[in-house]
């Protein structure tokens, strides 16, 4: 783990949008059977 930036650097906007979209997609897949039941 030598040569990496410190972890307190905020991620760029693209990473935030991508991770938020991925989390929303996973949450939608998890709750989809509940919506259709």
PDB file of N, CA and C in Angstrom:
ATOM      1  N   UNK A   1       0.840  -1.203   0.000  1.00  0.00           N
ATOM      2  CA  UNK A   1       0.000   0.000   0.000  1.00  0.00           C
ATOM      3  C   UNK A   1       0.873   1.249   0.000  1.00  0.00           C
ATOM      4  N   UNK A   2       2.007   1.166  -0.633  1.00  0.00           N
ATOM      5  CA  UNK A   2       2.915   2.303  -0.680  1.00  0.00           C
ATOM      6  C   UNK A   2       2.693   3.062  -1.979  1.00  0.00           C
ATOM      7  N   UNK A   3       2.644   4.392  -1.894  1.00  0.00           N
ATOM      8  CA  UNK A   3       2.502   5.209  -3.082  1.00  0.00           C
ATOM      9  C   UNK A   3       1.064   5.583  -3.390  1.00  0.00           C
ATOM     10  N   UNK A   4       0.124   5.150  -2.571  1.00  0.00           N
ATOM     11  CA  UNK A   4      -1.276   5.507  -2.804  1.00  0.00           C
ATOM     12  C   UNK A   4      -1.594   6.821  -2.114  1.00  0.00           C
ATOM     13  N   UNK A   5      -2.599   7.505  -2.630  1.00  0.00           N
ATOM     14  CA  UNK A   5      -3.032   8.750  -2.008  1.00  0.00           C
ATOM     15  C   UNK A   5      -3.730   8.446  -0.683  1.00  0.00           C
ATOM     16  N   UNK A   6      -3.720   9.391   0.250  1.00  0.00           N
ATOM     17  CA  UNK A   6      -4.470   9.187   1.495  1.00  0.00           C
ATOM     18  C   UNK A   6      -5.955   9.040   1.219  1.00  0.00           C
ATOM     19  N   UNK A   7      -6.636   8.285   2.061  1.00  0.00           N
ATOM     20  CA  UNK A   7      -8.034   7.953   1.806  1.00  0.00           C
ATOM     21  C   UNK A   7      -8.979   9.096   2.151  1.00  0.00           C
ATOM     22  N   UNK A   8      -8.463  10.196   2.728  1.00  0.00           N
ATOM     23  CA  UNK A   8      -9.347  11.303   3.086  1.00  0.00           C
ATOM     24  C   UNK A   8      -9.611  12.230   1.893  1.00  0.00           C
ATOM     25  N   UNK A   9      -9.073  11.893   0.728  1.00  0.00           N
ATOM     26  CA  UNK A   9      -9.341  12.682  -0.469  1.00  0.00           C
ATOM     27  C   UNK A   9     -10.719  12.301  -0.995  1.00  0.00           C
ATOM     28  N   UNK A  10     -11.615  13.274  -1.185  1.00  0.00           N
ATOM     29  CA  UNK A  10     -12.960  12.940  -1.662  1.00  0.00           C
ATOM     30  C   UNK A  10     -12.910  12.399  -3.086  1.00  0.00           C
ATOM     31  N   UNK A  11     -13.758  11.430  -3.402  1.00  0.00           N
ATOM     32  CA  UNK A  11     -13.764  10.882  -4.760  1.00  0.00           C
ATOM     33  C   UNK A  11     -14.317  11.896  -5.750  1.00  0.00           C
ATOM     34  N   UNK A  12     -13.938  11.804  -7.013  1.00  0.00           N
ATOM     35  CA  UNK A  12     -14.468  12.728  -8.023  1.00  0.00           C
ATOM     36  C   UNK A  12     -15.962  12.531  -8.219  1.00  0.00           C
ATOM     37  N   UNK A  13     -16.585  13.498  -8.872  1.00  0.00           N
ATOM     38  CA  UNK A  13     -18.042  13.479  -9.044  1.00  0.00           C
ATOM     39  C   UNK A  13     -18.499  12.257  -9.836  1.00  0.00           C
ATOM     40  N   UNK A  14     -17.719  11.866 -10.827  1.00  0.00           N
ATOM     41  CA  UNK A  14     -18.101  10.712 -11.631  1.00  0.00           C
ATOM     42  C   UNK A  14     -18.186   9.441 -10.806  1.00  0.00           C
ATOM     43  N   UNK A  15     -17.253   9.286  -9.866  1.00  0.00           N
ATOM     44  CA  UNK A  15     -17.263   8.098  -9.010  1.00  0.00           C
ATOM     45  C   UNK A  15     -18.472   8.132  -8.085  1.00  0.00           C
ATOM     46  N   UNK A  16     -18.809   9.322  -7.586  1.00  0.00           N
ATOM     47  CA  UNK A  16     -19.980   9.449  -6.715  1.00  0.00           C
ATOM     48  C   UNK A  16     -21.255   9.094  -7.468  1.00  0.00           C
ATOM     49  N   UNK A  17     -21.388   9.587  -8.688  1.00  0.00           N
ATOM     50  CA  UNK A  17     -22.588   9.318  -9.485  1.00  0.00           C
ATOM     51  C   UNK A  17     -22.673   7.834  -9.836  1.00  0.00           C
ATOM     52  N   UNK A  18     -21.535   7.246 -10.190  1.00  0.00           N
ATOM     53  CA  UNK A  18     -21.529   5.837 -10.568  1.00  0.00           C
ATOM     54  C   UNK A  18     -21.880   4.946  -9.386  1.00  0.00           C
ATOM     55  N   UNK A  19     -21.298   5.243  -8.219  1.00  0.00           N
ATOM     56  CA  UNK A  19     -21.577   4.416  -7.048  1.00  0.00           C
ATOM     57  C   UNK A  19     -23.008   4.614  -6.570  1.00  0.00           C
ATOM     58  N   UNK A  20     -23.529   5.826  -6.688  1.00  0.00           N
ATOM     59  CA  UNK A  20     -24.915   6.077  -6.293  1.00  0.00           C
ATOM     60  C   UNK A  20     -25.873   5.351  -7.234  1.00  0.00           C
ATOM     61  N   UNK A  21     -25.580   5.368  -8.514  1.00  0.00           N
ATOM     62  CA  UNK A  21     -26.423   4.665  -9.471  1.00  0.00           C
ATOM     63  C   UNK A  21     -26.371   3.161  -9.269  1.00  0.00           C
ATOM     64  N   UNK A  22     -25.185   2.639  -8.944  1.00  0.00           N
ATOM     65  CA  UNK A  22     -25.057   1.205  -8.688  1.00  0.00           C
ATOM     66  C   UNK A  22     -25.833   0.809  -7.446  1.00  0.00           C
ATOM     67  N   UNK A  23     -25.729   1.628  -6.391  1.00  0.00           N
ATOM     68  CA  UNK A  23     -26.454   1.331  -5.155  1.00  0.00           C
ATOM     69  C   UNK A  23     -27.960   1.383  -5.386  1.00  0.00           C
ATOM     70  N   UNK A  24     -28.417   2.343  -6.166  1.00  0.00           N
ATOM     71  CA  UNK A  24     -29.850   2.449  -6.453  1.00  0.00           C
ATOM     72  C   UNK A  24     -30.324   1.256  -7.279  1.00  0.00           C
ATOM     73  N   UNK A  25     -29.500   0.797  -8.190  1.00  0.00           N
ATOM     74  CA  UNK A  25     -29.870  -0.348  -9.021  1.00  0.00           C
ATOM     75  C   UNK A  25     -29.972  -1.611  -8.175  1.00  0.00           C
ATOM     76  N   UNK A  26     -29.004  -1.794  -7.274  1.00  0.00           N
ATOM     77  CA  UNK A  26     -29.033  -2.974  -6.404  1.00  0.00           C
ATOM     78  C   UNK A  26     -30.249  -2.919  -5.487  1.00  0.00           C
ATOM     79  N   UNK A  27     -30.531  -1.746  -4.932  1.00  0.00           N
ATOM     80  CA  UNK A  27     -31.687  -1.611  -4.051  1.00  0.00           C
ATOM     81  C   UNK A  27     -32.976  -1.874  -4.819  1.00  0.00           C
ATOM     82  N   UNK A  28     -33.028  -1.455  -6.068  1.00  0.00           N
ATOM     83  CA  UNK A  28     -34.222  -1.686  -6.882  1.00  0.00           C
ATOM     84  C   UNK A  28     -34.393  -3.178  -7.170  1.00  0.00           C
ATOM     85  N   UNK A  29     -33.296  -3.869  -7.429  1.00  0.00           N
ATOM     86  CA  UNK A  29     -33.378  -5.307  -7.673  1.00  0.00           C
ATOM     87  C   UNK A  29     -33.808  -6.057  -6.415  1.00  0.00           C
ATOM     88  N   UNK A  30     -33.365  -5.589  -5.255  1.00  0.00           N
ATOM     89  CA  UNK A  30     -33.712  -6.261  -4.001  1.00  0.00           C
ATOM     90  C   UNK A  30     -35.183  -6.060  -3.681  1.00  0.00           C
ATOM     91  N   UNK A  31     -35.697  -4.855  -3.906  1.00  0.00           N
ATOM     92  CA  UNK A  31     -37.078  -4.553  -3.526  1.00  0.00           C
ATOM     93  C   UNK A  31     -38.074  -4.858  -4.636  1.00  0.00           C
ATOM     94  N   UNK A  32     -37.604  -5.266  -5.820  1.00  0.00           N
ATOM     95  CA  UNK A  32     -38.517  -5.541  -6.933  1.00  0.00           C
ATOM     96  C   UNK A  32     -39.505  -6.668  -6.627  1.00  0.00           C
ATOM     97  N   UNK A  33     -39.078  -7.783  -6.030  1.00  0.00           N
ATOM     98  CA  UNK A  33     -40.064  -8.830  -5.693  1.00  0.00           C
ATOM     99  C   UNK A  33     -41.109  -8.344  -4.697  1.00  0.00           C
ATOM    100  N   UNK A  34     -40.737  -7.420  -3.829  1.00  0.00           N
ATOM    101  CA  UNK A  34     -41.702  -6.898  -2.861  1.00  0.00           C
ATOM    102  C   UNK A  34     -42.753  -6.042  -3.564  1.00  0.00           C
ATOM    103  N   UNK A  35     -42.340  -5.334  -4.615  1.00  0.00           N
ATOM    104  CA  UNK A  35     -43.284  -4.483  -5.345  1.00  0.00           C
ATOM    105  C   UNK A  35     -44.262  -5.318  -6.172  1.00  0.00           C
ATOM    106  N   UNK A  36     -43.796  -6.450  -6.684  1.00  0.00           N
ATOM    107  CA  UNK A  36     -44.633  -7.245  -7.578  1.00  0.00           C
ATOM    108  C   UNK A  36     -45.461  -8.287  -6.834  1.00  0.00           C
ATOM    109  N   UNK A  37     -45.168  -8.504  -5.568  1.00  0.00           N
ATOM    110  CA  UNK A  37     -45.883  -9.537  -4.806  1.00  0.00           C
ATOM    111  C   UNK A  37     -47.307  -9.076  -4.513  1.00  0.00           C
TER     112      UNK A  37
END
